[in-house]
Amino acid sequence: MSLGDHLRFLRAMKGGVGTATIARAIGLERPWPINEIEVRYRETGADELVGRLAEYLSRPVEELFWHRERSRTMLTRHIQHALQHAQPIVLHLRSGETLSGLPAWWDLGSIGLVVEGEAQLTVVQRHAVIDWG
């Protein structure tokens, strides 16, 4: 899961606090650096900013750095490569579940996966994917 997706999740778990509120709390004049992290598809966010966000959200900074290394672009490349080569993928979900199978399609919000041993297509929301292999 990308850092942006993880930040949106953490904000929701903190009662839906807005980026403007967080920006003020961590000493930013405007929320755009936080908004940029949440909408970018690549690794983004300066180390200092990520550290301040981790402190505000009461999370270990290593957790946020870990998510920053798992950009949506990296997941897209992984799925696209598997599609082109008819290779199975493994998706580790926020729920703790692990799904493996052949990707049938993907878009910006979800992945169609033919799970091993199942006849029906499983649709996985991309924001639910914590890690992949």
N, C-alpha and C. Protein backbone atom coordinates (compact mmCIF):
# COMPACT_ATOMS: atom_id res chain seq x y z
N MET A 1 0.85 -1.17 0.00
CA MET A 1 0.00 0.00 0.00
C MET A 1 0.90 1.23 0.00
N SER A 2 0.58 2.15 -0.86
CA SER A 2 1.37 3.38 -0.96
C SER A 2 1.24 4.22 0.31
N LEU A 3 2.17 5.13 0.46
CA LEU A 3 2.10 6.04 1.60
C LEU A 3 0.83 6.87 1.56
N GLY A 4 0.45 7.33 0.36
CA GLY A 4 -0.78 8.13 0.24
C GLY A 4 -2.01 7.37 0.70
N ASP A 5 -2.14 6.12 0.25
CA ASP A 5 -3.28 5.29 0.67
C ASP A 5 -3.24 5.05 2.18
N HIS A 6 -2.04 4.81 2.70
CA HIS A 6 -1.90 4.56 4.13
C HIS A 6 -2.25 5.81 4.94
N LEU A 7 -1.83 6.98 4.48
CA LEU A 7 -2.18 8.22 5.18
C LEU A 7 -3.69 8.44 5.20
N ARG A 8 -4.35 8.19 4.06
CA ARG A 8 -5.82 8.35 4.05
C ARG A 8 -6.47 7.39 5.04
N PHE A 9 -5.95 6.15 5.11
CA PHE A 9 -6.47 5.18 6.07
C PHE A 9 -6.27 5.68 7.50
N LEU A 10 -5.05 6.14 7.81
CA LEU A 10 -4.76 6.61 9.17
C LEU A 10 -5.60 7.83 9.52
N ARG A 11 -5.82 8.71 8.56
CA ARG A 11 -6.68 9.88 8.83
C ARG A 11 -8.10 9.44 9.14
N ALA A 12 -8.58 8.44 8.40
CA ALA A 12 -9.93 7.92 8.65
C ALA A 12 -10.01 7.31 10.05
N MET A 13 -8.97 6.57 10.44
CA MET A 13 -8.95 5.95 11.76
C MET A 13 -8.85 6.98 12.88
N LYS A 14 -8.41 8.17 12.54
CA LYS A 14 -8.30 9.25 13.52
C LYS A 14 -9.54 10.14 13.47
N GLY A 15 -10.63 9.63 12.93
CA GLY A 15 -11.89 10.36 12.91
C GLY A 15 -12.11 11.20 11.68
N GLY A 16 -11.31 11.00 10.64
CA GLY A 16 -11.51 11.75 9.40
C GLY A 16 -10.89 13.13 9.43
N VAL A 17 -9.89 13.33 10.26
CA VAL A 17 -9.23 14.63 10.35
C VAL A 17 -8.72 15.04 8.97
N GLY A 18 -8.91 16.32 8.62
CA GLY A 18 -8.53 16.82 7.31
C GLY A 18 -7.05 17.15 7.22
N THR A 19 -6.57 17.24 6.00
CA THR A 19 -5.16 17.55 5.80
C THR A 19 -4.81 18.96 6.26
N ALA A 20 -5.74 19.89 6.18
CA ALA A 20 -5.48 21.26 6.65
C ALA A 20 -5.26 21.26 8.16
N THR A 21 -6.02 20.48 8.88
CA THR A 21 -5.87 20.39 10.34
C THR A 21 -4.51 19.78 10.69
N ILE A 22 -4.14 18.72 9.98
CA ILE A 22 -2.84 18.09 10.22
C ILE A 22 -1.72 19.06 9.89
N ALA A 23 -1.84 19.75 8.76
CA ALA A 23 -0.80 20.70 8.35
C ALA A 23 -0.56 21.74 9.45
N ARG A 24 -1.63 22.31 9.96
CA ARG A 24 -1.47 23.31 11.04
C ARG A 24 -0.82 22.69 12.27
N ALA A 25 -1.22 21.47 12.60
CA ALA A 25 -0.69 20.81 13.81
C ALA A 25 0.80 20.50 13.70
N ILE A 26 1.30 20.27 12.48
CA ILE A 26 2.72 19.94 12.33
C ILE A 26 3.55 21.12 11.82
N GLY A 27 2.93 22.30 11.79
CA GLY A 27 3.68 23.51 11.47
C GLY A 27 3.79 23.88 10.01
N LEU A 28 2.89 23.37 9.18
CA LEU A 28 2.87 23.75 7.76
C LEU A 28 1.86 24.87 7.55
N GLU A 29 2.17 25.80 6.67
CA GLU A 29 1.23 26.88 6.37
C GLU A 29 0.05 26.39 5.54
N ARG A 30 0.32 25.44 4.65
CA ARG A 30 -0.72 24.92 3.76
C ARG A 30 -0.65 23.40 3.74
N PRO A 31 -1.77 22.76 3.40
CA PRO A 31 -1.78 21.29 3.38
C PRO A 31 -1.24 20.65 2.10
N TRP A 32 -0.83 21.44 1.11
CA TRP A 32 -0.48 20.85 -0.19
C TRP A 32 0.61 19.79 -0.12
N PRO A 33 1.64 19.86 0.76
CA PRO A 33 2.61 18.77 0.79
C PRO A 33 1.97 17.43 1.21
N ILE A 34 1.00 17.49 2.10
CA ILE A 34 0.30 16.27 2.52
C ILE A 34 -0.62 15.80 1.39
N ASN A 35 -1.34 16.74 0.79
CA ASN A 35 -2.23 16.38 -0.32
C ASN A 35 -1.44 15.75 -1.46
N GLU A 36 -0.25 16.28 -1.73
CA GLU A 36 0.58 15.72 -2.80
C GLU A 36 0.94 14.27 -2.51
N ILE A 37 1.29 13.97 -1.27
CA ILE A 37 1.60 12.58 -0.91
C ILE A 37 0.39 11.69 -1.18
N GLU A 38 -0.79 12.18 -0.83
CA GLU A 38 -1.99 11.35 -0.95
C GLU A 38 -2.43 11.12 -2.39
N VAL A 39 -2.06 11.99 -3.31
CA VAL A 39 -2.55 11.83 -4.68
C VAL A 39 -1.49 11.36 -5.67
N ARG A 40 -0.23 11.35 -5.28
CA ARG A 40 0.83 10.95 -6.20
C ARG A 40 0.89 9.43 -6.33
N TYR A 41 1.30 8.98 -7.50
CA TYR A 41 1.41 7.55 -7.75
C TYR A 41 2.82 7.03 -7.54
N ARG A 42 3.76 7.93 -7.26
CA ARG A 42 5.15 7.55 -7.05
C ARG A 42 5.54 7.80 -5.61
N GLU A 43 6.74 7.30 -5.28
CA GLU A 43 7.29 7.57 -3.95
C GLU A 43 7.44 9.08 -3.79
N THR A 44 6.92 9.62 -2.73
CA THR A 44 6.97 11.06 -2.51
C THR A 44 6.96 11.34 -1.01
N GLY A 45 7.30 12.56 -0.66
CA GLY A 45 7.30 12.98 0.74
C GLY A 45 8.70 13.03 1.30
N ALA A 46 9.15 14.22 1.65
CA ALA A 46 10.47 14.39 2.25
C ALA A 46 10.53 13.66 3.59
N ASP A 47 11.71 13.16 3.93
CA ASP A 47 11.88 12.41 5.18
C ASP A 47 11.39 13.21 6.39
N GLU A 48 11.71 14.50 6.44
CA GLU A 48 11.30 15.33 7.59
C GLU A 48 9.78 15.40 7.69
N LEU A 49 9.11 15.60 6.56
CA LEU A 49 7.65 15.66 6.56
C LEU A 49 7.06 14.33 6.99
N VAL A 50 7.58 13.24 6.47
CA VAL A 50 7.08 11.91 6.84
C VAL A 50 7.27 11.69 8.34
N GLY A 51 8.39 12.13 8.87
CA GLY A 51 8.64 12.02 10.31
C GLY A 51 7.63 12.81 11.12
N ARG A 52 7.31 14.01 10.69
CA ARG A 52 6.32 14.84 11.41
C ARG A 52 4.93 14.21 11.33
N LEU A 53 4.60 13.64 10.17
CA LEU A 53 3.31 12.97 10.03
C LEU A 53 3.23 11.75 10.94
N ALA A 54 4.31 10.98 11.00
CA ALA A 54 4.34 9.79 11.87
C ALA A 54 4.12 10.20 13.32
N GLU A 55 4.77 11.26 13.74
CA GLU A 55 4.61 11.72 15.12
C GLU A 55 3.17 12.16 15.38
N TYR A 56 2.60 12.93 14.48
CA TYR A 56 1.22 13.40 14.65
C TYR A 56 0.24 12.22 14.69
N LEU A 57 0.48 11.23 13.84
CA LEU A 57 -0.44 10.08 13.74
C LEU A 57 -0.11 8.98 14.74
N SER A 58 0.90 9.21 15.59
CA SER A 58 1.32 8.25 16.61
C SER A 58 1.68 6.90 16.01
N ARG A 59 2.44 6.94 14.92
CA ARG A 59 2.88 5.73 14.23
C ARG A 59 4.41 5.75 14.15
N PRO A 60 5.05 4.59 14.12
CA PRO A 60 6.50 4.56 13.93
C PRO A 60 6.86 5.12 12.55
N VAL A 61 7.87 5.95 12.50
CA VAL A 61 8.28 6.54 11.22
C VAL A 61 8.68 5.46 10.23
N GLU A 62 9.24 4.35 10.71
CA GLU A 62 9.62 3.24 9.83
C GLU A 62 8.40 2.68 9.07
N GLU A 63 7.25 2.69 9.72
CA GLU A 63 6.02 2.22 9.08
C GLU A 63 5.69 3.09 7.87
N LEU A 64 5.78 4.40 8.04
CA LEU A 64 5.46 5.29 6.93
C LEU A 64 6.52 5.21 5.84
N PHE A 65 7.79 5.07 6.20
CA PHE A 65 8.84 4.89 5.19
C PHE A 65 8.61 3.61 4.41
N TRP A 66 8.20 2.53 5.10
CA TRP A 66 7.93 1.26 4.45
C TRP A 66 6.85 1.43 3.39
N HIS A 67 5.78 2.14 3.75
CA HIS A 67 4.69 2.36 2.80
C HIS A 67 5.13 3.27 1.66
N ARG A 68 5.99 4.23 1.95
CA ARG A 68 6.47 5.13 0.90
C ARG A 68 7.20 4.35 -0.20
N GLU A 69 7.85 3.27 0.16
CA GLU A 69 8.58 2.46 -0.82
C GLU A 69 7.65 1.58 -1.66
N ARG A 70 6.38 1.53 -1.34
CA ARG A 70 5.42 0.68 -2.05
C ARG A 70 4.41 1.55 -2.81
N SER A 71 4.90 2.27 -3.78
CA SER A 71 4.06 3.20 -4.54
C SER A 71 3.05 2.46 -5.39
N ARG A 72 2.00 3.17 -5.76
CA ARG A 72 1.00 2.60 -6.66
C ARG A 72 1.63 2.24 -8.00
N THR A 73 2.61 3.04 -8.44
CA THR A 73 3.29 2.77 -9.70
C THR A 73 4.01 1.42 -9.65
N MET A 74 4.64 1.12 -8.53
CA MET A 74 5.34 -0.16 -8.39
C MET A 74 4.36 -1.33 -8.46
N LEU A 75 3.21 -1.19 -7.81
CA LEU A 75 2.19 -2.24 -7.87
C LEU A 75 1.68 -2.41 -9.30
N THR A 76 1.45 -1.30 -9.98
CA THR A 76 0.98 -1.35 -11.36
C THR A 76 1.98 -2.09 -12.24
N ARG A 77 3.26 -1.77 -12.10
CA ARG A 77 4.29 -2.44 -12.90
C ARG A 77 4.30 -3.95 -12.62
N HIS A 78 4.15 -4.30 -11.35
CA HIS A 78 4.15 -5.71 -10.97
C HIS A 78 2.98 -6.45 -11.62
N ILE A 79 1.80 -5.86 -11.55
CA ILE A 79 0.61 -6.49 -12.12
C ILE A 79 0.73 -6.57 -13.64
N GLN A 80 1.17 -5.48 -14.26
CA GLN A 80 1.29 -5.46 -15.71
C GLN A 80 2.30 -6.51 -16.20
N HIS A 81 3.39 -6.64 -15.51
CA HIS A 81 4.39 -7.66 -15.88
C HIS A 81 3.78 -9.06 -15.78
N ALA A 82 3.05 -9.31 -14.70
CA ALA A 82 2.41 -10.61 -14.52
C ALA A 82 1.38 -10.87 -15.62
N LEU A 83 0.62 -9.84 -16.00
CA LEU A 83 -0.35 -9.99 -17.08
C LEU A 83 0.35 -10.34 -18.40
N GLN A 84 1.41 -9.63 -18.72
CA GLN A 84 2.11 -9.85 -19.98
C GLN A 84 2.75 -11.23 -20.07
N HIS A 85 3.15 -11.77 -18.94
CA HIS A 85 3.85 -13.04 -18.92
C HIS A 85 3.02 -14.19 -18.35
N ALA A 86 1.72 -13.95 -18.14
CA ALA A 86 0.81 -14.96 -17.58
C ALA A 86 1.39 -15.60 -16.33
N GLN A 87 1.87 -14.75 -15.43
CA GLN A 87 2.46 -15.21 -14.17
C GLN A 87 1.53 -14.89 -13.00
N PRO A 88 1.47 -15.78 -12.02
CA PRO A 88 0.64 -15.50 -10.84
C PRO A 88 1.28 -14.43 -9.97
N ILE A 89 0.45 -13.78 -9.20
CA ILE A 89 0.92 -12.79 -8.22
C ILE A 89 0.38 -13.16 -6.85
N VAL A 90 0.99 -12.60 -5.83
CA VAL A 90 0.54 -12.78 -4.46
C VAL A 90 0.24 -11.39 -3.90
N LEU A 91 -0.95 -11.22 -3.34
CA LEU A 91 -1.36 -9.95 -2.76
C LEU A 91 -1.59 -10.15 -1.27
N HIS A 92 -0.91 -9.37 -0.46
CA HIS A 92 -1.11 -9.38 0.99
C HIS A 92 -2.02 -8.20 1.33
N LEU A 93 -3.15 -8.50 1.96
CA LEU A 93 -4.17 -7.50 2.21
C LEU A 93 -4.12 -6.97 3.64
N ARG A 94 -4.66 -5.76 3.81
CA ARG A 94 -4.73 -5.13 5.14
C ARG A 94 -5.45 -6.03 6.14
N SER A 95 -6.40 -6.82 5.67
CA SER A 95 -7.18 -7.71 6.55
C SER A 95 -6.36 -8.86 7.11
N GLY A 96 -5.14 -9.05 6.57
CA GLY A 96 -4.32 -10.18 6.98
C GLY A 96 -4.40 -11.35 6.01
N GLU A 97 -5.34 -11.29 5.08
CA GLU A 97 -5.48 -12.34 4.08
C GLU A 97 -4.37 -12.22 3.04
N THR A 98 -4.05 -13.35 2.43
CA THR A 98 -3.15 -13.39 1.30
C THR A 98 -3.87 -14.09 0.16
N LEU A 99 -3.91 -13.44 -0.99
CA LEU A 99 -4.53 -14.02 -2.18
C LEU A 99 -3.46 -14.23 -3.22
N SER A 100 -3.56 -15.34 -3.93
CA SER A 100 -2.64 -15.56 -5.04
C SER A 100 -3.42 -16.07 -6.23
N GLY A 101 -2.96 -15.68 -7.40
CA GLY A 101 -3.62 -16.10 -8.62
C GLY A 101 -3.13 -15.29 -9.79
N LEU A 102 -3.81 -15.48 -10.92
CA LEU A 102 -3.44 -14.77 -12.14
C LEU A 102 -4.24 -13.48 -12.27
N PRO A 103 -3.58 -12.36 -12.50
CA PRO A 103 -4.33 -11.13 -12.73
C PRO A 103 -5.04 -11.20 -14.08
N ALA A 104 -6.30 -10.80 -14.11
CA ALA A 104 -7.07 -10.77 -15.35
C ALA A 104 -7.10 -9.36 -15.93
N TRP A 105 -7.07 -8.35 -15.05
CA TRP A 105 -7.08 -6.95 -15.45
C TRP A 105 -6.75 -6.10 -14.24
N TRP A 106 -6.50 -4.83 -14.46
CA TRP A 106 -6.31 -3.88 -13.38
C TRP A 106 -6.76 -2.50 -13.88
N ASP A 107 -7.11 -1.64 -12.94
CA ASP A 107 -7.33 -0.23 -13.23
C ASP A 107 -6.82 0.56 -12.04
N LEU A 108 -7.06 1.85 -12.01
CA LEU A 108 -6.51 2.67 -10.93
C LEU A 108 -7.06 2.31 -9.55
N GLY A 109 -8.23 1.67 -9.51
CA GLY A 109 -8.83 1.38 -8.22
C GLY A 109 -8.87 -0.07 -7.79
N SER A 110 -8.68 -0.99 -8.73
CA SER A 110 -8.86 -2.39 -8.36
C SER A 110 -8.09 -3.33 -9.29
N ILE A 111 -8.07 -4.59 -8.88
CA ILE A 111 -7.39 -5.65 -9.61
C ILE A 111 -8.36 -6.82 -9.75
N GLY A 112 -8.51 -7.32 -10.96
CA GLY A 112 -9.28 -8.54 -11.18
C GLY A 112 -8.34 -9.72 -11.09
N LEU A 113 -8.60 -10.63 -10.17
CA LEU A 113 -7.68 -11.73 -9.90
C LEU A 113 -8.42 -13.06 -10.00
N VAL A 114 -7.86 -13.98 -10.77
CA VAL A 114 -8.37 -15.35 -10.82
C VAL A 114 -7.61 -16.10 -9.73
N VAL A 115 -8.25 -16.24 -8.58
CA VAL A 115 -7.63 -16.85 -7.41
C VAL A 115 -7.51 -18.35 -7.61
N GLU A 116 -6.38 -18.88 -7.20
CA GLU A 116 -6.13 -20.32 -7.33
C GLU A 116 -7.23 -21.10 -6.62
N GLY A 117 -7.82 -22.06 -7.34
CA GLY A 117 -8.84 -22.92 -6.76
C GLY A 117 -10.24 -22.35 -6.78
N GLU A 118 -10.44 -21.15 -7.33
CA GLU A 118 -11.78 -20.55 -7.40
C GLU A 118 -12.18 -20.33 -8.85
N ALA A 119 -13.46 -20.52 -9.14
CA ALA A 119 -13.95 -20.37 -10.50
C ALA A 119 -14.27 -18.91 -10.84
N GLN A 120 -14.66 -18.13 -9.84
CA GLN A 120 -15.06 -16.75 -10.08
C GLN A 120 -13.88 -15.79 -9.97
N LEU A 121 -14.02 -14.70 -10.67
CA LEU A 121 -13.04 -13.63 -10.61
C LEU A 121 -13.19 -12.89 -9.27
N THR A 122 -12.10 -12.61 -8.62
CA THR A 122 -12.10 -11.85 -7.37
C THR A 122 -11.61 -10.44 -7.68
N VAL A 123 -12.36 -9.44 -7.24
CA VAL A 123 -11.96 -8.05 -7.43
C VAL A 123 -11.38 -7.55 -6.11
N VAL A 124 -10.15 -7.06 -6.18
CA VAL A 124 -9.44 -6.59 -5.00
C VAL A 124 -9.25 -5.08 -5.14
N GLN A 125 -9.71 -4.33 -4.15
CA GLN A 125 -9.46 -2.89 -4.15
C GLN A 125 -7.98 -2.64 -3.91
N ARG A 126 -7.37 -1.80 -4.74
CA ARG A 126 -5.93 -1.58 -4.65
C ARG A 126 -5.52 -1.01 -3.29
N HIS A 127 -6.35 -0.18 -2.69
CA HIS A 127 -5.97 0.40 -1.40
C HIS A 127 -5.95 -0.64 -0.28
N ALA A 128 -6.50 -1.82 -0.54
CA ALA A 128 -6.48 -2.89 0.47
C ALA A 128 -5.19 -3.72 0.39
N VAL A 129 -4.41 -3.55 -0.67
CA VAL A 129 -3.19 -4.32 -0.88
C VAL A 129 -2.05 -3.67 -0.09
N ILE A 130 -1.56 -4.38 0.91
CA ILE A 130 -0.46 -3.88 1.74
C ILE A 130 0.88 -4.16 1.05
N ASP A 131 1.04 -5.35 0.50
CA ASP A 131 2.30 -5.73 -0.13
C ASP A 131 1.99 -6.76 -1.20
N TRP A 132 2.96 -7.06 -2.02
CA TRP A 132 2.76 -7.98 -3.13
C TRP A 132 4.05 -8.72 -3.44
N GLY A 133 3.89 -9.77 -4.17
CA GLY A 133 5.05 -10.56 -4.58
C GLY A 133 4.71 -11.46 -5.73
